[in-house]
């Protein structure tokens, strides 16, 4: 079964055995660059074990900006144009 396109590469995602959307092409990227979402001192923060991080105000817009920054991080690592 397929679902929405991958937000990183634009390829088709399928549901894995746990019914979680998964992109086969990006799965190694996600495993190599796990991003931890945190709330630090009123900030929406994301930290990757490669050393990359981003922090935004804890507001609805700040949380959307954090999500956009995480997607941009994955695209830059995979070298996919924005």
N, C-alpha and C. Protein backbone atom coordinates (compact mmCIF):
# COMPACT_ATOMS: atom_id res chain seq x y z
N UNK A 1 0.84 -1.17 0.00
CA UNK A 1 0.00 0.00 0.00
C UNK A 1 0.89 1.24 0.00
N UNK A 2 0.54 2.25 -0.80
CA UNK A 2 1.31 3.49 -0.82
C UNK A 2 0.55 4.57 -0.06
N UNK A 3 1.29 5.59 0.33
CA UNK A 3 0.69 6.75 0.99
C UNK A 3 1.34 8.00 0.43
N UNK A 4 1.36 9.07 1.16
CA UNK A 4 1.87 10.34 0.64
C UNK A 4 3.33 10.24 0.21
N UNK A 5 3.74 11.17 -0.64
CA UNK A 5 5.13 11.22 -1.10
C UNK A 5 6.06 11.56 0.06
N UNK A 6 7.30 11.14 -0.05
CA UNK A 6 8.33 11.43 0.94
C UNK A 6 8.62 12.92 0.93
N UNK A 7 8.67 13.56 2.10
CA UNK A 7 8.93 14.99 2.16
C UNK A 7 10.40 15.33 1.89
N UNK A 8 11.27 14.32 1.91
CA UNK A 8 12.69 14.56 1.66
C UNK A 8 13.00 14.43 0.17
N UNK A 9 12.69 13.28 -0.42
CA UNK A 9 13.10 13.03 -1.81
C UNK A 9 11.95 13.12 -2.82
N UNK A 10 10.71 13.13 -2.33
CA UNK A 10 9.56 13.20 -3.22
C UNK A 10 9.12 11.85 -3.75
N UNK A 11 9.84 10.78 -3.38
CA UNK A 11 9.47 9.43 -3.81
C UNK A 11 8.26 8.90 -3.07
N UNK A 12 7.76 7.78 -3.54
CA UNK A 12 6.58 7.17 -2.91
C UNK A 12 6.96 6.49 -1.60
N UNK A 13 6.13 6.67 -0.61
CA UNK A 13 6.30 5.96 0.65
C UNK A 13 5.31 4.80 0.68
N UNK A 14 5.67 3.76 1.38
CA UNK A 14 4.78 2.63 1.59
C UNK A 14 4.65 2.40 3.09
N UNK A 15 3.62 1.69 3.47
CA UNK A 15 3.43 1.35 4.88
C UNK A 15 4.26 0.12 5.20
N UNK A 16 5.05 0.21 6.26
CA UNK A 16 5.86 -0.95 6.65
C UNK A 16 5.01 -1.94 7.44
N UNK A 17 5.66 -2.95 8.00
CA UNK A 17 4.92 -4.00 8.71
C UNK A 17 4.19 -3.49 9.95
N UNK A 18 4.54 -2.28 10.42
CA UNK A 18 3.87 -1.67 11.57
C UNK A 18 2.90 -0.58 11.15
N UNK A 19 2.59 -0.52 9.85
CA UNK A 19 1.71 0.49 9.27
C UNK A 19 2.24 1.91 9.45
N UNK A 20 3.56 2.07 9.44
CA UNK A 20 4.21 3.37 9.54
C UNK A 20 4.72 3.73 8.15
N UNK A 21 4.41 4.95 7.65
CA UNK A 21 4.90 5.33 6.33
C UNK A 21 6.43 5.31 6.28
N UNK A 22 6.97 4.73 5.24
CA UNK A 22 8.41 4.57 5.12
C UNK A 22 8.84 4.79 3.67
N UNK A 23 9.96 5.50 3.50
CA UNK A 23 10.54 5.70 2.17
C UNK A 23 11.79 4.83 2.11
N UNK A 24 11.77 3.83 1.25
CA UNK A 24 12.89 2.90 1.16
C UNK A 24 14.19 3.61 0.78
N UNK A 25 14.10 4.61 -0.09
CA UNK A 25 15.30 5.33 -0.54
C UNK A 25 15.91 6.18 0.58
N UNK A 26 15.09 6.72 1.47
CA UNK A 26 15.58 7.60 2.53
C UNK A 26 15.81 6.88 3.86
N UNK A 27 15.37 5.66 4.00
CA UNK A 27 15.49 4.95 5.27
C UNK A 27 16.93 4.93 5.81
N UNK A 28 17.96 4.65 4.98
CA UNK A 28 19.33 4.69 5.51
C UNK A 28 19.72 6.08 6.03
N UNK A 29 19.21 7.12 5.40
CA UNK A 29 19.47 8.49 5.85
C UNK A 29 18.87 8.71 7.23
N UNK A 30 17.62 8.30 7.42
CA UNK A 30 16.96 8.49 8.70
C UNK A 30 17.66 7.70 9.80
N UNK A 31 18.17 6.53 9.47
CA UNK A 31 18.88 5.72 10.46
C UNK A 31 20.23 6.34 10.81
N UNK A 32 20.91 6.94 9.83
CA UNK A 32 22.23 7.54 10.07
C UNK A 32 22.12 8.91 10.73
N UNK A 33 20.99 9.58 10.56
CA UNK A 33 20.80 10.93 11.11
C UNK A 33 19.51 11.01 11.93
N UNK A 34 19.44 10.29 13.05
CA UNK A 34 18.24 10.40 13.88
C UNK A 34 18.18 11.79 14.52
N UNK A 35 17.05 12.44 14.40
CA UNK A 35 16.87 13.78 14.94
C UNK A 35 15.99 13.67 16.18
N UNK A 36 16.47 14.26 17.25
CA UNK A 36 15.74 14.29 18.51
C UNK A 36 15.03 15.63 18.63
N UNK A 37 13.72 15.60 18.84
CA UNK A 37 12.94 16.82 19.03
C UNK A 37 12.89 17.09 20.53
N UNK A 38 13.18 18.34 20.91
CA UNK A 38 13.25 18.69 22.32
C UNK A 38 12.54 20.01 22.57
N UNK A 39 12.19 20.21 23.83
CA UNK A 39 11.70 21.49 24.30
C UNK A 39 12.72 21.97 25.33
N UNK A 40 13.52 22.94 24.96
CA UNK A 40 14.57 23.46 25.84
C UNK A 40 14.29 24.92 26.17
N UNK A 41 13.95 25.18 27.43
CA UNK A 41 13.77 26.57 27.86
C UNK A 41 12.79 27.36 27.04
N UNK A 42 11.68 26.76 26.66
CA UNK A 42 10.68 27.46 25.86
C UNK A 42 10.99 27.51 24.38
N UNK A 43 11.94 26.69 23.94
CA UNK A 43 12.30 26.65 22.52
C UNK A 43 11.97 25.29 21.92
N UNK A 44 11.61 25.30 20.66
CA UNK A 44 11.41 24.07 19.90
C UNK A 44 12.75 23.75 19.25
N UNK A 45 13.42 22.73 19.77
CA UNK A 45 14.78 22.42 19.35
C UNK A 45 14.82 21.05 18.69
N UNK A 46 15.68 20.91 17.69
CA UNK A 46 15.94 19.61 17.06
C UNK A 46 17.45 19.43 17.03
N UNK A 47 17.90 18.21 17.39
CA UNK A 47 19.33 17.91 17.45
C UNK A 47 19.58 16.59 16.74
N UNK A 48 20.58 16.58 15.84
CA UNK A 48 20.98 15.37 15.13
C UNK A 48 22.31 14.90 15.70
N UNK A 49 22.55 13.60 15.70
CA UNK A 49 23.80 13.12 16.27
C UNK A 49 25.02 13.50 15.44
N UNK A 50 24.82 14.03 14.21
CA UNK A 50 25.94 14.49 13.39
C UNK A 50 26.46 15.85 13.86
N UNK A 51 25.75 16.48 14.80
CA UNK A 51 26.15 17.78 15.31
C UNK A 51 25.26 18.92 14.87
N UNK A 52 24.41 18.69 13.89
CA UNK A 52 23.48 19.71 13.41
C UNK A 52 22.40 19.94 14.46
N UNK A 53 21.97 21.19 14.62
CA UNK A 53 20.85 21.48 15.51
C UNK A 53 20.17 22.77 15.05
N UNK A 54 18.96 22.96 15.51
CA UNK A 54 18.20 24.16 15.22
C UNK A 54 17.29 24.44 16.40
N UNK A 55 17.00 25.71 16.64
CA UNK A 55 16.15 26.10 17.76
C UNK A 55 15.25 27.25 17.33
N UNK A 56 13.99 27.15 17.72
CA UNK A 56 12.98 28.15 17.35
C UNK A 56 12.10 28.41 18.55
N UNK A 57 11.43 29.56 18.60
CA UNK A 57 10.53 29.85 19.73
C UNK A 57 9.44 28.78 19.83
N UNK A 58 9.00 28.52 21.05
CA UNK A 58 7.93 27.53 21.27
C UNK A 58 6.59 28.20 20.99
N UNK A 59 6.32 28.41 19.73
CA UNK A 59 5.07 28.97 19.24
C UNK A 59 4.60 28.07 18.11
N UNK A 60 3.36 28.19 17.68
CA UNK A 60 2.94 27.38 16.53
C UNK A 60 3.86 27.60 15.31
N UNK A 61 4.20 28.85 15.01
CA UNK A 61 5.08 29.11 13.87
C UNK A 61 6.49 28.56 14.12
N UNK A 62 6.97 28.68 15.35
CA UNK A 62 8.30 28.16 15.68
C UNK A 62 8.39 26.66 15.50
N UNK A 63 7.31 25.95 15.86
CA UNK A 63 7.30 24.49 15.69
C UNK A 63 7.26 24.12 14.21
N UNK A 64 6.51 24.88 13.40
CA UNK A 64 6.50 24.65 11.95
C UNK A 64 7.89 24.93 11.38
N UNK A 65 8.53 26.00 11.86
CA UNK A 65 9.88 26.34 11.38
C UNK A 65 10.88 25.25 11.74
N UNK A 66 10.73 24.66 12.93
CA UNK A 66 11.61 23.56 13.32
C UNK A 66 11.43 22.38 12.37
N UNK A 67 10.19 22.04 12.06
CA UNK A 67 9.92 20.93 11.13
C UNK A 67 10.53 21.21 9.76
N UNK A 68 10.42 22.44 9.27
CA UNK A 68 10.99 22.81 7.98
C UNK A 68 12.52 22.71 8.02
N UNK A 69 13.12 23.08 9.15
CA UNK A 69 14.57 23.01 9.28
C UNK A 69 15.04 21.56 9.28
N UNK A 70 14.29 20.67 9.92
CA UNK A 70 14.65 19.25 9.94
C UNK A 70 14.59 18.68 8.52
N UNK A 71 13.53 19.01 7.78
CA UNK A 71 13.41 18.55 6.40
C UNK A 71 14.57 19.09 5.56
N UNK A 72 14.91 20.36 5.75
CA UNK A 72 16.04 20.94 5.01
C UNK A 72 17.35 20.24 5.37
N UNK A 73 17.51 19.85 6.63
CA UNK A 73 18.71 19.12 7.05
C UNK A 73 18.80 17.79 6.30
N UNK A 74 17.70 17.04 6.28
CA UNK A 74 17.70 15.75 5.58
C UNK A 74 17.98 15.94 4.09
N UNK A 75 17.37 16.96 3.49
CA UNK A 75 17.60 17.21 2.06
C UNK A 75 19.05 17.57 1.78
N UNK A 76 19.66 18.34 2.67
CA UNK A 76 21.06 18.73 2.44
C UNK A 76 21.99 17.54 2.59
N UNK A 77 21.69 16.66 3.54
CA UNK A 77 22.53 15.46 3.71
C UNK A 77 22.37 14.54 2.50
N UNK A 78 21.15 14.40 2.02
CA UNK A 78 20.87 13.53 0.86
C UNK A 78 21.16 14.23 -0.46
N UNK A 79 21.42 15.54 -0.39
CA UNK A 79 21.70 16.38 -1.56
C UNK A 79 20.53 16.38 -2.54
N UNK A 80 19.34 16.66 -1.98
CA UNK A 80 18.12 16.80 -2.77
C UNK A 80 17.81 18.29 -2.85
N UNK A 81 17.58 18.85 -4.05
CA UNK A 81 17.26 20.28 -4.14
C UNK A 81 15.98 20.60 -3.37
N UNK A 82 15.95 21.78 -2.80
CA UNK A 82 14.77 22.22 -2.02
C UNK A 82 13.59 22.48 -2.92
